[in-house]
Amino acid sequence: MNPENTLFIRATPPGPPVLLLADTPLHDRLPSVTAPDGSVPLCQSWSLLPKPTVCVVDGPGEAGLMIPAMVAPVLDGTGASEDGMDAMAAWRGDAEQAGGAIVLSLDRIPDVIDWPQLLGSGTARGGFLRLLR
């Protein structure tokens, strides 16, 4: 997976962190998400394994992908860009604290994050993925 087609977003309490994916071969395998109230459902049979250099999205059967996390962009909870291994380590810590992360597959990574649009339009796919332990 090309890291330019990903965006890791740090948790904003009380919510979990978010991973946005664009142009992924998993898009049609993930369930459709419509959560206008912000309550993102659990993505059954899918899990997440974030590590310092790679993040694995693991699905049922052979579905899954690896993201080179150490070079992927990370936004903090205010929308400011963070760089490097420390930013990914902080995102991973957020995911561990939340027990997982929201993973959304989109047509493209938006220039501006509009949560009501992303979660209410019916075009996003994914959900909350528990950590693989």
Protein backbone atom coordinates (compact mmCIF):
# COMPACT_ATOMS: atom_id res chain seq x y z
CA MET A 1 0.00 0.00 0.00
CA ASN A 2 1.38 3.37 -0.97
CA PRO A 3 1.76 5.50 2.21
CA GLU A 4 0.56 8.54 0.23
CA ASN A 5 -2.84 6.85 0.14
CA THR A 6 -3.06 6.69 3.92
CA LEU A 7 -3.62 9.14 6.73
CA PHE A 8 -3.21 8.24 10.40
CA ILE A 9 -5.17 10.58 12.69
CA ARG A 10 -4.41 10.66 16.41
CA ALA A 11 -7.23 10.07 18.89
CA THR A 12 -9.33 12.97 20.08
CA PRO A 13 -10.73 11.86 23.47
CA PRO A 14 -13.04 10.16 23.99
CA GLY A 15 -12.74 8.66 20.49
CA PRO A 16 -10.22 6.20 19.09
CA PRO A 17 -7.57 7.01 16.48
CA VAL A 18 -8.47 6.81 12.80
CA LEU A 19 -6.77 5.36 9.73
CA LEU A 20 -7.98 6.64 6.38
CA LEU A 21 -7.19 4.54 3.30
CA ALA A 22 -7.63 5.53 -0.34
CA ASP A 23 -7.48 3.50 -3.53
CA THR A 24 -7.16 0.22 -1.63
CA PRO A 25 -7.92 -3.23 -3.02
CA LEU A 26 -9.80 -3.92 0.22
CA HIS A 27 -12.47 -1.27 -0.38
CA ASP A 28 -15.16 -3.63 -1.70
CA ARG A 29 -14.40 -6.26 0.95
CA LEU A 30 -15.03 -3.90 3.87
CA PRO A 31 -18.58 -3.25 5.07
CA SER A 32 -20.30 0.02 4.20
CA VAL A 33 -20.26 2.59 7.02
CA THR A 34 -23.09 5.01 7.67
CA ALA A 35 -22.73 6.57 11.09
CA PRO A 36 -24.07 10.14 10.98
CA ASP A 37 -24.12 10.21 14.80
CA GLY A 38 -20.40 9.31 14.88
CA SER A 39 -20.98 5.88 16.42
CA VAL A 40 -18.86 3.73 14.09
CA PRO A 41 -19.75 0.01 14.22
CA LEU A 42 -17.35 -2.82 14.91
CA CYS A 43 -15.91 -4.30 11.73
CA GLN A 44 -16.44 -8.02 12.34
CA SER A 45 -13.69 -10.45 11.23
CA TRP A 46 -11.17 -7.62 10.72
CA SER A 47 -8.28 -6.60 12.96
CA LEU A 48 -5.39 -4.19 13.12
CA LEU A 49 -1.75 -4.71 14.04
CA PRO A 50 0.14 -1.40 14.32
CA LYS A 51 3.90 -1.67 14.73
CA PRO A 52 6.62 1.01 14.60
CA THR A 53 7.49 0.43 10.94
CA VAL A 54 4.41 -1.26 9.50
CA CYS A 55 0.67 -1.36 10.15
CA VAL A 56 -1.27 -4.46 9.12
CA VAL A 57 -4.99 -4.44 8.35
CA ASP A 58 -6.04 -8.08 8.52
CA GLY A 59 -9.34 -9.30 7.16
CA PRO A 60 -11.10 -12.62 6.66
CA GLY A 61 -9.37 -15.22 4.50
CA GLU A 62 -6.63 -13.72 2.38
CA ALA A 63 -7.88 -10.12 2.72
CA GLY A 64 -5.39 -7.72 4.21
CA LEU A 65 -2.70 -5.19 3.53
CA MET A 66 0.53 -3.80 4.96
CA ILE A 67 1.18 -0.09 5.25
CA PRO A 68 4.74 1.25 5.63
CA ALA A 69 3.76 3.22 8.73
CA MET A 70 7.08 4.91 9.42
CA VAL A 71 6.72 7.04 6.27
CA ALA A 72 2.94 7.49 6.34
CA PRO A 73 1.47 10.90 7.29
CA VAL A 74 0.12 11.38 10.83
CA LEU A 75 -2.14 14.19 12.05
CA ASP A 76 -2.46 15.03 15.72
CA GLY A 77 -5.88 15.53 17.32
CA THR A 78 -5.96 19.19 16.24
CA GLY A 79 -5.22 18.44 12.57
CA ALA A 80 -1.56 19.47 12.69
CA SER A 81 0.86 17.28 10.77
CA GLU A 82 3.37 15.19 12.72
CA ASP A 83 6.38 13.42 11.26
CA GLY A 84 8.54 10.45 12.00
CA MET A 85 8.62 7.43 14.22
CA ASP A 86 7.50 9.37 17.31
CA ALA A 87 4.25 10.36 15.60
CA MET A 88 3.50 6.76 14.60
CA ALA A 89 4.42 5.54 18.10
CA ALA A 90 1.95 8.04 19.56
CA TRP A 91 -0.78 6.87 17.13
CA ARG A 92 -0.04 3.27 18.07
CA GLY A 93 -0.30 4.20 21.77
CA ASP A 94 -3.70 5.76 21.11
CA ALA A 95 -4.81 2.54 19.37
CA GLU A 96 -3.58 0.39 22.24
CA GLN A 97 -5.42 2.56 24.75
CA ALA A 98 -8.64 2.39 22.69
CA GLY A 99 -8.28 -1.33 21.91
CA GLY A 100 -8.28 -0.60 18.18
CA ALA A 101 -8.90 2.13 15.64
CA ILE A 102 -11.47 3.30 13.16
CA VAL A 103 -10.37 2.31 9.65
CA LEU A 104 -12.18 3.95 6.76
CA SER A 105 -11.62 3.20 3.08
CA LEU A 106 -12.42 6.10 0.76
CA ASP A 107 -12.09 6.98 -2.91
CA ARG A 108 -9.40 9.49 -1.98
CA ILE A 109 -7.89 11.12 1.10
CA PRO A 110 -9.83 14.38 1.59
CA ASP A 111 -8.02 17.72 1.75
CA VAL A 112 -10.23 18.68 4.69
CA ILE A 113 -11.60 16.14 7.17
CA ASP A 114 -15.38 16.58 7.33
CA TRP A 115 -16.48 13.87 9.79
CA PRO A 116 -20.26 14.25 9.23
CA GLN A 117 -19.68 13.92 5.47
CA LEU A 118 -17.28 10.95 5.81
CA LEU A 119 -19.51 9.08 8.24
CA GLY A 120 -22.91 10.07 6.86
CA SER A 121 -22.55 9.88 3.09
CA GLY A 122 -22.54 6.09 2.79
CA THR A 123 -19.43 6.11 0.57
CA ALA A 124 -16.94 5.13 3.29
CA ARG A 125 -16.30 1.48 4.07
CA GLY A 126 -14.75 -0.05 7.18
CA GLY A 127 -15.47 0.40 10.87
CA PHE A 128 -13.78 -0.05 14.23
CA LEU A 129 -11.05 -2.70 14.00
CA ARG A 130 -9.87 -4.35 17.20
CA LEU A 131 -6.17 -4.77 17.80
CA LEU A 132 -4.72 -8.13 16.87
CA ARG A 133 -2.99 -9.47 19.95
